[in-house]
Amino acid sequence: MSDPVMAGPIVIGLLVLVAALVATNLMVGVVLWWRHSGLADRVTKLEVHNEHRITREEVRQVFDRLATLEGKTDATNIMLRTVQEHLLEND
């Protein structure tokens, strides 16, 4: 190995090997970054999607409140009809 003629190709070979390892490392880094970005976007979309989802309990509460409001509206209509009839009788 002390022969200067053989040292040139060995050094060039090692430089090519190091360059290939560096290029491979960079490609792996880019792929990992790309996958991480994609996963981060999907997790964000899932979090936003889940925030807008309501539970069965919340749906039940909405239906209960709606039924209560319908009952109150019916009662108010009956009362107003009775008052109107009473006022028309007195005229």
N, C-alpha and C. Protein backbone atom coordinates (compact mmCIF):
# COMPACT_ATOMS: atom_id res chain seq x y z
N MET A 1 0.80 -1.19 0.00
CA MET A 1 0.00 0.00 0.00
C MET A 1 0.85 1.26 0.00
N SER A 2 2.04 1.12 0.23
CA SER A 2 2.88 2.31 0.21
C SER A 2 3.22 2.74 -1.21
N ASP A 3 2.77 1.97 -2.17
CA ASP A 3 3.01 2.32 -3.57
C ASP A 3 2.09 3.49 -3.94
N PRO A 4 2.65 4.63 -4.40
CA PRO A 4 1.84 5.80 -4.72
C PRO A 4 0.89 5.55 -5.88
N VAL A 5 1.19 4.63 -6.74
CA VAL A 5 0.32 4.36 -7.87
C VAL A 5 -0.98 3.70 -7.39
N MET A 6 -0.90 2.83 -6.39
CA MET A 6 -2.07 2.17 -5.85
C MET A 6 -2.86 3.06 -4.87
N ALA A 7 -2.20 4.04 -4.28
CA ALA A 7 -2.86 4.90 -3.31
C ALA A 7 -3.93 5.76 -3.97
N GLY A 8 -3.70 6.21 -5.21
CA GLY A 8 -4.67 7.06 -5.93
C GLY A 8 -6.01 6.35 -6.13
N PRO A 9 -6.03 5.15 -6.72
CA PRO A 9 -7.32 4.47 -6.92
C PRO A 9 -8.01 4.09 -5.61
N ILE A 10 -7.23 3.76 -4.58
CA ILE A 10 -7.85 3.42 -3.29
C ILE A 10 -8.51 4.65 -2.69
N VAL A 11 -7.86 5.79 -2.75
CA VAL A 11 -8.42 7.03 -2.21
C VAL A 11 -9.67 7.40 -3.00
N ILE A 12 -9.59 7.27 -4.32
CA ILE A 12 -10.75 7.61 -5.15
C ILE A 12 -11.90 6.65 -4.84
N GLY A 13 -11.59 5.39 -4.67
CA GLY A 13 -12.61 4.40 -4.33
C GLY A 13 -13.26 4.72 -2.99
N LEU A 14 -12.44 5.09 -2.00
CA LEU A 14 -12.98 5.46 -0.69
C LEU A 14 -13.83 6.73 -0.78
N LEU A 15 -13.38 7.69 -1.58
CA LEU A 15 -14.17 8.92 -1.76
C LEU A 15 -15.52 8.62 -2.43
N VAL A 16 -15.51 7.72 -3.42
CA VAL A 16 -16.75 7.34 -4.08
C VAL A 16 -17.67 6.63 -3.08
N LEU A 17 -17.08 5.74 -2.25
CA LEU A 17 -17.87 5.05 -1.24
C LEU A 17 -18.47 6.02 -0.24
N VAL A 18 -17.68 6.98 0.23
CA VAL A 18 -18.18 7.98 1.17
C VAL A 18 -19.26 8.84 0.51
N ALA A 19 -19.05 9.23 -0.74
CA ALA A 19 -20.05 10.04 -1.46
C ALA A 19 -21.36 9.25 -1.60
N ALA A 20 -21.26 7.95 -1.89
CA ALA A 20 -22.46 7.12 -2.02
C ALA A 20 -23.18 7.01 -0.68
N LEU A 21 -22.43 6.84 0.40
CA LEU A 21 -23.05 6.77 1.73
C LEU A 21 -23.73 8.08 2.10
N VAL A 22 -23.09 9.19 1.78
CA VAL A 22 -23.68 10.50 2.07
C VAL A 22 -24.95 10.70 1.26
N ALA A 23 -24.90 10.33 -0.04
CA ALA A 23 -26.09 10.47 -0.89
C ALA A 23 -27.23 9.59 -0.38
N THR A 24 -26.91 8.36 0.01
CA THR A 24 -27.93 7.45 0.55
C THR A 24 -28.53 8.02 1.83
N ASN A 25 -27.67 8.54 2.69
CA ASN A 25 -28.14 9.14 3.94
C ASN A 25 -29.06 10.32 3.67
N LEU A 26 -28.71 11.16 2.70
CA LEU A 26 -29.56 12.30 2.35
C LEU A 26 -30.90 11.84 1.80
N MET A 27 -30.89 10.81 0.95
CA MET A 27 -32.14 10.31 0.39
C MET A 27 -33.04 9.73 1.49
N VAL A 28 -32.46 8.99 2.40
CA VAL A 28 -33.23 8.44 3.51
C VAL A 28 -33.79 9.58 4.37
N GLY A 29 -33.00 10.60 4.60
CA GLY A 29 -33.46 11.76 5.37
C GLY A 29 -34.62 12.46 4.69
N VAL A 30 -34.55 12.62 3.38
CA VAL A 30 -35.63 13.27 2.64
C VAL A 30 -36.90 12.41 2.70
N VAL A 31 -36.75 11.12 2.52
CA VAL A 31 -37.91 10.22 2.58
C VAL A 31 -38.54 10.26 3.97
N LEU A 32 -37.73 10.22 5.00
CA LEU A 32 -38.26 10.27 6.37
C LEU A 32 -38.95 11.60 6.64
N TRP A 33 -38.36 12.69 6.17
CA TRP A 33 -38.98 14.01 6.34
C TRP A 33 -40.33 14.05 5.61
N TRP A 34 -40.38 13.51 4.38
CA TRP A 34 -41.61 13.50 3.59
C TRP A 34 -42.70 12.69 4.28
N ARG A 35 -42.32 11.54 4.81
CA ARG A 35 -43.31 10.69 5.50
C ARG A 35 -43.77 11.35 6.79
N HIS A 36 -42.87 11.99 7.52
CA HIS A 36 -43.23 12.68 8.75
C HIS A 36 -44.20 13.82 8.46
N SER A 37 -43.93 14.58 7.41
CA SER A 37 -44.82 15.68 7.04
C SER A 37 -46.20 15.15 6.68
N GLY A 38 -46.24 14.07 5.92
CA GLY A 38 -47.53 13.49 5.55
C GLY A 38 -48.29 12.99 6.75
N LEU A 39 -47.59 12.34 7.67
CA LEU A 39 -48.25 11.84 8.89
C LEU A 39 -48.75 12.99 9.75
N ALA A 40 -47.95 14.04 9.85
CA ALA A 40 -48.36 15.20 10.65
C ALA A 40 -49.63 15.82 10.06
N ASP A 41 -49.70 15.92 8.73
CA ASP A 41 -50.90 16.47 8.09
C ASP A 41 -52.11 15.59 8.35
N ARG A 42 -51.93 14.27 8.25
CA ARG A 42 -53.06 13.36 8.48
C ARG A 42 -53.54 13.42 9.92
N VAL A 43 -52.61 13.51 10.87
CA VAL A 43 -53.00 13.60 12.28
C VAL A 43 -53.76 14.90 12.52
N THR A 44 -53.30 15.99 11.92
CA THR A 44 -54.00 17.26 12.08
C THR A 44 -55.41 17.18 11.52
N LYS A 45 -55.55 16.56 10.34
CA LYS A 45 -56.89 16.43 9.75
C LYS A 45 -57.79 15.56 10.62
N LEU A 46 -57.24 14.49 11.20
CA LEU A 46 -58.03 13.64 12.08
C LEU A 46 -58.47 14.39 13.32
N GLU A 47 -57.56 15.19 13.89
CA GLU A 47 -57.91 15.95 15.09
C GLU A 47 -59.04 16.93 14.78
N VAL A 48 -58.94 17.62 13.64
CA VAL A 48 -59.99 18.58 13.26
C VAL A 48 -61.29 17.84 13.01
N HIS A 49 -61.22 16.69 12.34
CA HIS A 49 -62.43 15.91 12.05
C HIS A 49 -63.09 15.44 13.34
N ASN A 50 -62.29 14.99 14.29
CA ASN A 50 -62.85 14.49 15.55
C ASN A 50 -63.41 15.60 16.41
N GLU A 51 -62.91 16.83 16.26
CA GLU A 51 -63.45 17.93 17.04
C GLU A 51 -64.88 18.24 16.63
N HIS A 52 -65.24 17.97 15.37
CA HIS A 52 -66.57 18.28 14.88
C HIS A 52 -67.54 17.13 15.05
N ARG A 53 -67.07 16.04 15.55
CA ARG A 53 -67.93 14.89 15.78
C ARG A 53 -68.63 15.06 17.13
N ILE A 54 -69.92 14.76 17.16
CA ILE A 54 -70.62 14.84 18.44
C ILE A 54 -70.96 13.42 18.90
N THR A 55 -71.06 13.28 20.18
CA THR A 55 -71.30 11.96 20.76
C THR A 55 -72.79 11.65 20.75
N ARG A 56 -73.12 10.41 21.02
CA ARG A 56 -74.53 9.99 21.10
C ARG A 56 -75.24 10.75 22.23
N GLU A 57 -74.53 10.98 23.30
CA GLU A 57 -75.12 11.70 24.43
C GLU A 57 -75.49 13.13 24.02
N GLU A 58 -74.60 13.78 23.26
CA GLU A 58 -74.89 15.14 22.81
C GLU A 58 -76.07 15.15 21.83
N VAL A 59 -76.16 14.14 20.97
CA VAL A 59 -77.30 14.05 20.05
C VAL A 59 -78.58 13.85 20.84
N ARG A 60 -78.54 12.99 21.86
CA ARG A 60 -79.72 12.77 22.68
C ARG A 60 -80.16 14.06 23.37
N GLN A 61 -79.19 14.82 23.88
CA GLN A 61 -79.52 16.08 24.53
C GLN A 61 -80.16 17.06 23.55
N VAL A 62 -79.68 17.09 22.32
CA VAL A 62 -80.27 17.98 21.32
C VAL A 62 -81.71 17.57 21.04
N PHE A 63 -81.94 16.26 20.87
CA PHE A 63 -83.30 15.80 20.62
C PHE A 63 -84.21 16.06 21.81
N ASP A 64 -83.70 15.89 23.02
CA ASP A 64 -84.51 16.19 24.21
C ASP A 64 -84.90 17.66 24.26
N ARG A 65 -83.94 18.53 23.98
CA ARG A 65 -84.23 19.97 23.99
C ARG A 65 -85.22 20.33 22.90
N LEU A 66 -85.07 19.70 21.74
CA LEU A 66 -86.00 19.95 20.64
C LEU A 66 -87.42 19.51 21.02
N ALA A 67 -87.53 18.34 21.64
CA ALA A 67 -88.84 17.86 22.07
C ALA A 67 -89.44 18.80 23.11
N THR A 68 -88.61 19.29 24.02
CA THR A 68 -89.09 20.22 25.04
C THR A 68 -89.60 21.51 24.39
N LEU A 69 -88.84 22.01 23.42
CA LEU A 69 -89.26 23.24 22.73
C LEU A 69 -90.55 23.02 21.95
N GLU A 70 -90.69 21.84 21.32
CA GLU A 70 -91.93 21.55 20.61
C GLU A 70 -93.12 21.51 21.58
N GLY A 71 -92.90 20.90 22.74
CA GLY A 71 -93.96 20.86 23.75
C GLY A 71 -94.34 22.25 24.22
N LYS A 72 -93.35 23.08 24.46
CA LYS A 72 -93.62 24.45 24.92
C LYS A 72 -94.33 25.24 23.83
N THR A 73 -93.95 25.03 22.57
CA THR A 73 -94.61 25.73 21.46
C THR A 73 -96.06 25.31 21.35
N ASP A 74 -96.32 24.02 21.46
CA ASP A 74 -97.70 23.54 21.41
C ASP A 74 -98.53 24.12 22.56
N ALA A 75 -97.95 24.14 23.74
CA ALA A 75 -98.67 24.69 24.90
C ALA A 75 -98.94 26.18 24.71
N THR A 76 -97.97 26.90 24.17
CA THR A 76 -98.16 28.34 23.94
C THR A 76 -99.23 28.57 22.88
N ASN A 77 -99.23 27.76 21.84
CA ASN A 77 -100.27 27.90 20.80
C ASN A 77 -101.66 27.65 21.36
N ILE A 78 -101.80 26.63 22.18
CA ILE A 78 -103.09 26.33 22.79
C ILE A 78 -103.54 27.48 23.69
N MET A 79 -102.60 28.01 24.48
CA MET A 79 -102.93 29.12 25.37
C MET A 79 -103.34 30.35 24.57
N LEU A 80 -102.62 30.66 23.50
CA LEU A 80 -102.96 31.83 22.69
C LEU A 80 -104.30 31.65 21.99
N ARG A 81 -104.60 30.44 21.54
CA ARG A 81 -105.89 30.16 20.91
C ARG A 81 -107.02 30.35 21.93
N THR A 82 -106.80 29.88 23.15
CA THR A 82 -107.80 30.03 24.21
C THR A 82 -108.02 31.50 24.53
N VAL A 83 -106.93 32.26 24.64
CA VAL A 83 -107.06 33.69 24.92
C VAL A 83 -107.79 34.38 23.77
N GLN A 84 -107.47 34.04 22.53
CA GLN A 84 -108.13 34.64 21.38
C GLN A 84 -109.63 34.31 21.39
N GLU A 85 -109.99 33.07 21.67
CA GLU A 85 -111.40 32.70 21.74
C GLU A 85 -112.12 33.47 22.86
N HIS A 86 -111.44 33.59 23.97
CA HIS A 86 -112.03 34.29 25.11
C HIS A 86 -112.26 35.78 24.76
N LEU A 87 -111.27 36.39 24.08
CA LEU A 87 -111.41 37.80 23.69
C LEU A 87 -112.50 37.97 22.64
N LEU A 88 -112.65 37.01 21.73
CA LEU A 88 -113.69 37.13 20.71
C LEU A 88 -115.08 36.94 21.32
N GLU A 89 -115.19 36.14 22.40
CA GLU A 89 -116.46 35.94 23.06
C GLU A 89 -116.91 37.22 23.76
N ASN A 90 -115.94 37.94 24.32
CA ASN A 90 -116.26 39.16 25.08
C ASN A 90 -116.61 40.32 24.17
N ASP A 91 -116.23 40.24 22.92
CA ASP A 91 -116.56 41.36 22.00
C ASP A 91 -117.97 41.24 21.60
